Amino acid sequence: MTIADKKLEIIELVAKTDDVAVLDNVKGLLEDDFSHDHWENLSDEQKARIKQSMDSIEAGNFRTTKEVMTDLRKKLLNGEL
């Protein structure tokens, strides 16, 4: 599902509800997300780990979700987990 699909799904759900509390919660979540720079709330250690991860990804040192899931399935089928 793409981001656009998710947005449309949320819009459809919002349009269907008449629950003011639900609408207030959705609005609050979105306003909170747009009004904060979450990076500034992270500790120096968290920022360093994120930067390290980004550098590692840029260097090609990562595995895709598909690769990880394939390995996990093999281990489950072989009784390794």
PDB file of N, CA and C in Angstrom:
ATOM      1  N   MET A   1       0.849  -1.170   0.000  1.00  0.00           N
ATOM      2  CA  MET A   1       0.000   0.000   0.000  1.00  0.00           C
ATOM      3  C   MET A   1       0.900   1.241   0.000  1.00  0.00           C
ATOM      4  N   THR A   2       0.619   2.142  -0.887  1.00  0.00           N
ATOM      5  CA  THR A   2       1.412   3.366  -0.988  1.00  0.00           C
ATOM      6  C   THR A   2       0.951   4.391   0.042  1.00  0.00           C
ATOM      7  N   ILE A   3       1.744   5.431   0.201  1.00  0.00           N
ATOM      8  CA  ILE A   3       1.368   6.535   1.096  1.00  0.00           C
ATOM      9  C   ILE A   3       0.047   7.153   0.633  1.00  0.00           C
ATOM     10  N   ALA A   4      -0.091   7.331  -0.672  1.00  0.00           N
ATOM     11  CA  ALA A   4      -1.326   7.917  -1.209  1.00  0.00           C
ATOM     12  C   ALA A   4      -2.531   7.043  -0.875  1.00  0.00           C
ATOM     13  N   ASP A   5      -2.366   5.715  -0.971  1.00  0.00           N
ATOM     14  CA  ASP A   5      -3.450   4.792  -0.632  1.00  0.00           C
ATOM     15  C   ASP A   5      -3.829   4.916   0.840  1.00  0.00           C
ATOM     16  N   LYS A   6      -2.807   4.999   1.700  1.00  0.00           N
ATOM     17  CA  LYS A   6      -3.060   5.133   3.140  1.00  0.00           C
ATOM     18  C   LYS A   6      -3.795   6.431   3.439  1.00  0.00           C
ATOM     19  N   LYS A   7      -3.373   7.518   2.789  1.00  0.00           N
ATOM     20  CA  LYS A   7      -4.034   8.804   3.004  1.00  0.00           C
ATOM     21  C   LYS A   7      -5.503   8.737   2.596  1.00  0.00           C
ATOM     22  N   LEU A   8      -5.767   8.133   1.449  1.00  0.00           N
ATOM     23  CA  LEU A   8      -7.163   8.010   0.996  1.00  0.00           C
ATOM     24  C   LEU A   8      -7.979   7.161   1.957  1.00  0.00           C
ATOM     25  N   GLU A   9      -7.372   6.092   2.456  1.00  0.00           N
ATOM     26  CA  GLU A   9      -8.070   5.231   3.404  1.00  0.00           C
ATOM     27  C   GLU A   9      -8.426   6.009   4.680  1.00  0.00           C
ATOM     28  N   ILE A  10      -7.485   6.797   5.167  1.00  0.00           N
ATOM     29  CA  ILE A  10      -7.730   7.594   6.375  1.00  0.00           C
ATOM     30  C   ILE A  10      -8.796   8.649   6.117  1.00  0.00           C
ATOM     31  N   ILE A  11      -8.712   9.303   4.966  1.00  0.00           N
ATOM     32  CA  ILE A  11      -9.712  10.318   4.610  1.00  0.00           C
ATOM     33  C   ILE A  11     -11.107   9.693   4.577  1.00  0.00           C
ATOM     34  N   GLU A  12     -11.216   8.500   3.993  1.00  0.00           N
ATOM     35  CA  GLU A  12     -12.510   7.823   3.928  1.00  0.00           C
ATOM     36  C   GLU A  12     -13.039   7.489   5.323  1.00  0.00           C
ATOM     37  N   LEU A  13     -12.150   7.026   6.200  1.00  0.00           N
ATOM     38  CA  LEU A  13     -12.566   6.707   7.571  1.00  0.00           C
ATOM     39  C   LEU A  13     -12.992   7.952   8.322  1.00  0.00           C
ATOM     40  N   VAL A  14     -12.253   9.026   8.157  1.00  0.00           N
ATOM     41  CA  VAL A  14     -12.597  10.288   8.815  1.00  0.00           C
ATOM     42  C   VAL A  14     -13.955  10.781   8.316  1.00  0.00           C
ATOM     43  N   ALA A  15     -14.183  10.666   7.017  1.00  0.00           N
ATOM     44  CA  ALA A  15     -15.449  11.132   6.446  1.00  0.00           C
ATOM     45  C   ALA A  15     -16.633  10.324   6.964  1.00  0.00           C
ATOM     46  N   LYS A  16     -16.415   9.063   7.324  1.00  0.00           N
ATOM     47  CA  LYS A  16     -17.503   8.196   7.782  1.00  0.00           C
ATOM     48  C   LYS A  16     -17.870   8.397   9.246  1.00  0.00           C
ATOM     49  N   THR A  17     -16.962   8.898  10.045  1.00  0.00           N
ATOM     50  CA  THR A  17     -17.237   8.974  11.484  1.00  0.00           C
ATOM     51  C   THR A  17     -17.962  10.255  11.876  1.00  0.00           C
ATOM     52  N   ASP A  18     -18.816  10.107  12.870  1.00  0.00           N
ATOM     53  CA  ASP A  18     -19.495  11.258  13.466  1.00  0.00           C
ATOM     54  C   ASP A  18     -19.041  11.439  14.912  1.00  0.00           C
ATOM     55  N   ASP A  19     -18.038  10.683  15.310  1.00  0.00           N
ATOM     56  CA  ASP A  19     -17.530  10.730  16.685  1.00  0.00           C
ATOM     57  C   ASP A  19     -16.556  11.898  16.818  1.00  0.00           C
ATOM     58  N   VAL A  20     -16.997  12.933  17.512  1.00  0.00           N
ATOM     59  CA  VAL A  20     -16.194  14.148  17.669  1.00  0.00           C
ATOM     60  C   VAL A  20     -14.881  13.849  18.392  1.00  0.00           C
ATOM     61  N   ALA A  21     -14.908  12.947  19.353  1.00  0.00           N
ATOM     62  CA  ALA A  21     -13.689  12.607  20.096  1.00  0.00           C
ATOM     63  C   ALA A  21     -12.649  11.976  19.171  1.00  0.00           C
ATOM     64  N   VAL A  22     -13.090  11.117  18.286  1.00  0.00           N
ATOM     65  CA  VAL A  22     -12.168  10.498  17.325  1.00  0.00           C
ATOM     66  C   VAL A  22     -11.578  11.566  16.419  1.00  0.00           C
ATOM     67  N   LEU A  23     -12.420  12.447  15.922  1.00  0.00           N
ATOM     68  CA  LEU A  23     -11.943  13.518  15.051  1.00  0.00           C
ATOM     69  C   LEU A  23     -10.964  14.440  15.774  1.00  0.00           C
ATOM     70  N   ASP A  24     -11.258  14.748  17.026  1.00  0.00           N
ATOM     71  CA  ASP A  24     -10.343  15.580  17.822  1.00  0.00           C
ATOM     72  C   ASP A  24      -9.002  14.887  18.011  1.00  0.00           C
ATOM     73  N   ASN A  25      -9.035  13.575  18.241  1.00  0.00           N
ATOM     74  CA  ASN A  25      -7.788  12.820  18.409  1.00  0.00           C
ATOM     75  C   ASN A  25      -6.952  12.803  17.131  1.00  0.00           C
ATOM     76  N   VAL A  26      -7.604  12.578  16.008  1.00  0.00           N
ATOM     77  CA  VAL A  26      -6.896  12.570  14.722  1.00  0.00           C
ATOM     78  C   VAL A  26      -6.293  13.941  14.457  1.00  0.00           C
ATOM     79  N   LYS A  27      -7.084  14.968  14.676  1.00  0.00           N
ATOM     80  CA  LYS A  27      -6.605  16.338  14.468  1.00  0.00           C
ATOM     81  C   LYS A  27      -5.415  16.632  15.376  1.00  0.00           C
ATOM     82  N   GLY A  28      -5.520  16.240  16.643  1.00  0.00           N
ATOM     83  CA  GLY A  28      -4.436  16.472  17.591  1.00  0.00           C
ATOM     84  C   GLY A  28      -3.154  15.755  17.190  1.00  0.00           C
ATOM     85  N   LEU A  29      -3.279  14.511  16.732  1.00  0.00           N
ATOM     86  CA  LEU A  29      -2.102  13.762  16.282  1.00  0.00           C
ATOM     87  C   LEU A  29      -1.420  14.447  15.111  1.00  0.00           C
ATOM     88  N   LEU A  30      -2.222  14.868  14.150  1.00  0.00           N
ATOM     89  CA  LEU A  30      -1.653  15.509  12.972  1.00  0.00           C
ATOM     90  C   LEU A  30      -1.046  16.866  13.295  1.00  0.00           C
ATOM     91  N   GLU A  31      -1.723  17.644  14.111  1.00  0.00           N
ATOM     92  CA  GLU A  31      -1.177  18.947  14.487  1.00  0.00           C
ATOM     93  C   GLU A  31       0.116  18.789  15.273  1.00  0.00           C
ATOM     94  N   ASP A  32       0.163  17.811  16.160  1.00  0.00           N
ATOM     95  CA  ASP A  32       1.365  17.554  16.945  1.00  0.00           C
ATOM     96  C   ASP A  32       2.520  17.151  16.035  1.00  0.00           C
ATOM     97  N   ASP A  33       2.219  16.326  15.048  1.00  0.00           N
ATOM     98  CA  ASP A  33       3.256  15.861  14.125  1.00  0.00           C
ATOM     99  C   ASP A  33       3.829  17.018  13.315  1.00  0.00           C
ATOM    100  N   PHE A  34       2.986  17.942  12.901  1.00  0.00           N
ATOM    101  CA  PHE A  34       3.440  19.052  12.072  1.00  0.00           C
ATOM    102  C   PHE A  34       4.104  20.168  12.871  1.00  0.00           C
ATOM    103  N   SER A  35       3.823  20.231  14.169  1.00  0.00           N
ATOM    104  CA  SER A  35       4.310  21.361  14.941  1.00  0.00           C
ATOM    105  C   SER A  35       5.630  21.101  15.670  1.00  0.00           C
ATOM    106  N   HIS A  36       6.149  19.892  15.589  1.00  0.00           N
ATOM    107  CA  HIS A  36       7.369  19.578  16.325  1.00  0.00           C
ATOM    108  C   HIS A  36       8.481  19.099  15.392  1.00  0.00           C
ATOM    109  N   ASP A  37       9.662  19.501  15.732  1.00  0.00           N
ATOM    110  CA  ASP A  37      10.830  18.929  15.087  1.00  0.00           C
ATOM    111  C   ASP A  37      11.300  17.818  16.016  1.00  0.00           C
ATOM    112  N   HIS A  38      10.896  16.600  15.729  1.00  0.00           N
ATOM    113  CA  HIS A  38      11.158  15.481  16.620  1.00  0.00           C
ATOM    114  C   HIS A  38      12.649  15.233  16.805  1.00  0.00           C
ATOM    115  N   TRP A  39      13.452  15.653  15.857  1.00  0.00           N
ATOM    116  CA  TRP A  39      14.903  15.477  15.955  1.00  0.00           C
ATOM    117  C   TRP A  39      15.436  16.175  17.211  1.00  0.00           C
ATOM    118  N   GLU A  40      14.884  17.328  17.504  1.00  0.00           N
ATOM    119  CA  GLU A  40      15.352  18.103  18.658  1.00  0.00           C
ATOM    120  C   GLU A  40      15.014  17.433  19.986  1.00  0.00           C
ATOM    121  N   ASN A  41      14.066  16.521  19.983  1.00  0.00           N
ATOM    122  CA  ASN A  41      13.677  15.829  21.212  1.00  0.00           C
ATOM    123  C   ASN A  41      14.511  14.580  21.474  1.00  0.00           C
ATOM    124  N   LEU A  42      15.358  14.218  20.529  1.00  0.00           N
ATOM    125  CA  LEU A  42      16.180  13.026  20.690  1.00  0.00           C
ATOM    126  C   LEU A  42      17.429  13.338  21.504  1.00  0.00           C
ATOM    127  N   SER A  43      17.913  12.318  22.211  1.00  0.00           N
ATOM    128  CA  SER A  43      19.160  12.478  22.951  1.00  0.00           C
ATOM    129  C   SER A  43      20.331  12.454  21.964  1.00  0.00           C
ATOM    130  N   ASP A  44      21.485  12.895  22.418  1.00  0.00           N
ATOM    131  CA  ASP A  44      22.676  12.866  21.566  1.00  0.00           C
ATOM    132  C   ASP A  44      22.999  11.437  21.141  1.00  0.00           C
ATOM    133  N   GLU A  45      22.799  10.488  22.056  1.00  0.00           N
ATOM    134  CA  GLU A  45      23.062   9.084  21.730  1.00  0.00           C
ATOM    135  C   GLU A  45      22.122   8.591  20.633  1.00  0.00           C
ATOM    136  N   GLN A  46      20.840   8.948  20.720  1.00  0.00           N
ATOM    137  CA  GLN A  46      19.880   8.546  19.693  1.00  0.00           C
ATOM    138  C   GLN A  46      20.232   9.162  18.344  1.00  0.00           C
ATOM    139  N   LYS A  47      20.610  10.438  18.353  1.00  0.00           N
ATOM    140  CA  LYS A  47      21.004  11.103  17.104  1.00  0.00           C
ATOM    141  C   LYS A  47      22.222  10.423  16.495  1.00  0.00           C
ATOM    142  N   ALA A  48      23.196  10.071  17.328  1.00  0.00           N
ATOM    143  CA  ALA A  48      24.413   9.421  16.843  1.00  0.00           C
ATOM    144  C   ALA A  48      24.094   8.058  16.245  1.00  0.00           C
ATOM    145  N   ARG A  49      23.196   7.305  16.879  1.00  0.00           N
ATOM    146  CA  ARG A  49      22.836   5.981  16.357  1.00  0.00           C
ATOM    147  C   ARG A  49      22.085   6.094  15.037  1.00  0.00           C
ATOM    148  N   ILE A  50      21.226   7.097  14.924  1.00  0.00           N
ATOM    149  CA  ILE A  50      20.510   7.309  13.669  1.00  0.00           C
ATOM    150  C   ILE A  50      21.492   7.679  12.568  1.00  0.00           C
ATOM    151  N   LYS A  51      22.416   8.583  12.863  1.00  0.00           N
ATOM    152  CA  LYS A  51      23.418   8.981  11.873  1.00  0.00           C
ATOM    153  C   LYS A  51      24.261   7.778  11.467  1.00  0.00           C
ATOM    154  N   GLN A  52      24.643   6.962  12.431  1.00  0.00           N
ATOM    155  CA  GLN A  52      25.430   5.763  12.133  1.00  0.00           C
ATOM    156  C   GLN A  52      24.641   4.826  11.214  1.00  0.00           C
ATOM    157  N   SER A  53      23.366   4.663  11.484  1.00  0.00           N
ATOM    158  CA  SER A  53      22.517   3.807  10.655  1.00  0.00           C
ATOM    159  C   SER A  53      22.386   4.362   9.241  1.00  0.00           C
ATOM    160  N   MET A  54      22.212   5.661   9.128  1.00  0.00           N
ATOM    161  CA  MET A  54      22.090   6.284   7.808  1.00  0.00           C
ATOM    162  C   MET A  54      23.388   6.138   7.019  1.00  0.00           C
ATOM    163  N   ASP A  55      24.517   6.320   7.690  1.00  0.00           N
ATOM    164  CA  ASP A  55      25.810   6.143   7.030  1.00  0.00           C
ATOM    165  C   ASP A  55      25.987   4.703   6.555  1.00  0.00           C
ATOM    166  N   SER A  56      25.560   3.763   7.378  1.00  0.00           N
ATOM    167  CA  SER A  56      25.664   2.350   7.030  1.00  0.00           C
ATOM    168  C   SER A  56      24.796   2.022   5.810  1.00  0.00           C
ATOM    169  N   ILE A  57      23.593   2.563   5.781  1.00  0.00           N
ATOM    170  CA  ILE A  57      22.699   2.339   4.637  1.00  0.00           C
ATOM    171  C   ILE A  57      23.298   2.932   3.373  1.00  0.00           C
ATOM    172  N   GLU A  58      23.822   4.151   3.471  1.00  0.00           N
ATOM    173  CA  GLU A  58      24.438   4.793   2.310  1.00  0.00           C
ATOM    174  C   GLU A  58      25.628   3.994   1.791  1.00  0.00           C
ATOM    175  N   ALA A  59      26.310   3.281   2.696  1.00  0.00           N
ATOM    176  CA  ALA A  59      27.450   2.455   2.310  1.00  0.00           C
ATOM    177  C   ALA A  59      27.004   1.091   1.766  1.00  0.00           C
ATOM    178  N   GLY A  60      25.697   0.840   1.769  1.00  0.00           N
ATOM    179  CA  GLY A  60      25.185  -0.416   1.236  1.00  0.00           C
ATOM    180  C   GLY A  60      25.146  -1.546   2.249  1.00  0.00           C
ATOM    181  N   ASN A  61      25.355  -1.233   3.503  1.00  0.00           N
ATOM    182  CA  ASN A  61      25.363  -2.254   4.555  1.00  0.00           C
ATOM    183  C   ASN A  61      23.974  -2.376   5.184  1.00  0.00           C
ATOM    184  N   PHE A  62      23.100  -3.071   4.492  1.00  0.00           N
ATOM    185  CA  PHE A  62      21.750  -3.285   5.007  1.00  0.00           C
ATOM    186  C   PHE A  62      21.145  -4.496   4.330  1.00  0.00           C
ATOM    187  N   ARG A  63      20.063  -4.989   4.913  1.00  0.00           N
ATOM    188  CA  ARG A  63      19.296  -6.083   4.314  1.00  0.00           C
ATOM    189  C   ARG A  63      17.859  -5.614   4.187  1.00  0.00           C
ATOM    190  N   THR A  64      17.232  -6.007   3.110  1.00  0.00           N
ATOM    191  CA  THR A  64      15.840  -5.618   2.906  1.00  0.00           C
ATOM    192  C   THR A  64      14.930  -6.436   3.813  1.00  0.00           C
ATOM    193  N   THR A  65      13.717  -5.954   3.994  1.00  0.00           N
ATOM    194  CA  THR A  65      12.736  -6.686   4.780  1.00  0.00           C
ATOM    195  C   THR A  65      12.503  -8.064   4.178  1.00  0.00           C
ATOM    196  N   LYS A  66      12.457  -8.120   2.867  1.00  0.00           N
ATOM    197  CA  LYS A  66      12.237  -9.397   2.184  1.00  0.00           C
ATOM    198  C   LYS A  66      13.356 -10.384   2.502  1.00  0.00           C
ATOM    199  N   GLU A  67      14.595  -9.914   2.503  1.00  0.00           N
ATOM    200  CA  GLU A  67      15.730 -10.783   2.828  1.00  0.00           C
ATOM    201  C   GLU A  67      15.646 -11.292   4.266  1.00  0.00           C
ATOM    202  N   VAL A  68      15.326 -10.410   5.175  1.00  0.00           N
ATOM    203  CA  VAL A  68      15.220 -10.795   6.582  1.00  0.00           C
ATOM    204  C   VAL A  68      14.098 -11.813   6.770  1.00  0.00           C
ATOM    205  N   MET A  69      12.943 -11.546   6.172  1.00  0.00           N
ATOM    206  CA  MET A  69      11.808 -12.450   6.319  1.00  0.00           C
ATOM    207  C   MET A  69      12.110 -13.818   5.717  1.00  0.00           C
ATOM    208  N   THR A  70      12.798 -13.853   4.579  1.00  0.00           N
ATOM    209  CA  THR A  70      13.169 -15.119   3.960  1.00  0.00           C
ATOM    210  C   THR A  70      14.070 -15.915   4.891  1.00  0.00           C
ATOM    211  N   ASP A  71      15.067 -15.263   5.471  1.00  0.00           N
ATOM    212  CA  ASP A  71      15.973 -15.941   6.405  1.00  0.00           C
ATOM    213  C   ASP A  71      15.220 -16.446   7.637  1.00  0.00           C
ATOM    214  N   LEU A  72      14.302 -15.641   8.171  1.00  0.00           N
ATOM    215  CA  LEU A  72      13.533 -16.061   9.337  1.00  0.00           C
ATOM    216  C   LEU A  72      12.644 -17.259   9.024  1.00  0.00           C
ATOM    217  N   ARG A  73      12.020 -17.250   7.856  1.00  0.00           N
ATOM    218  CA  ARG A  73      11.174 -18.388   7.471  1.00  0.00           C
ATOM    219  C   ARG A  73      11.996 -19.663   7.383  1.00  0.00           C
ATOM    220  N   LYS A  74      13.201 -19.564   6.787  1.00  0.00           N
ATOM    221  CA  LYS A  74      14.071 -20.741   6.690  1.00  0.00           C
ATOM    222  C   LYS A  74      14.432 -21.265   8.069  1.00  0.00           C
ATOM    223  N   LYS A  75      14.761 -20.360   8.978  1.00  0.00           N
ATOM    224  CA  LYS A  75      15.134 -20.767  10.331  1.00  0.00           C
ATOM    225  C   LYS A  75      13.948 -21.392  11.061  1.00  0.00           C
ATOM    226  N   LEU A  76      12.766 -20.834  10.866  1.00  0.00           N
ATOM    227  CA  LEU A  76      11.562 -21.418  11.491  1.00  0.00           C
ATOM    228  C   LEU A  76      11.289 -22.812  10.949  1.00  0.00           C
ATOM    229  N   LEU A  77      11.406 -22.975   9.642  1.00  0.00           N
ATOM    230  CA  LEU A  77      11.147 -24.277   9.026  1.00  0.00           C
ATOM    231  C   LEU A  77      12.199 -25.298   9.434  1.00  0.00           C
ATOM    232  N   ASN A  78      13.415 -24.848   9.701  1.00  0.00           N
ATOM    233  CA  ASN A  78      14.502 -25.762  10.114  1.00  0.00           C
ATOM    234  C   ASN A  78      14.541 -25.964  11.620  1.00  0.00           C
ATOM    235  N   GLY A  79      13.602 -25.356  12.344  1.00  0.00           N
ATOM    236  CA  GLY A  79      13.558 -25.498  13.789  1.00  0.00           C
ATOM    237  C   GLY A  79      14.661 -24.755  14.513  1.00  0.00           C
ATOM    238  N   GLU A  80      15.250 -23.778  13.889  1.00  0.00           N
ATOM    239  CA  GLU A  80      16.342 -23.016  14.502  1.00  0.00           C
ATOM    240  C   GLU A  80      15.829 -21.918  15.423  1.00  0.00           C
ATOM    241  N   LEU A  81      14.569 -21.592  15.335  1.00  0.00           N
ATOM    242  CA  LEU A  81      13.987 -20.553  16.204  1.00  0.00           C
ATOM    243  C   LEU A  81      12.909 -21.147  17.081  1.00  0.00           C
TER     244      LEU A  81
END
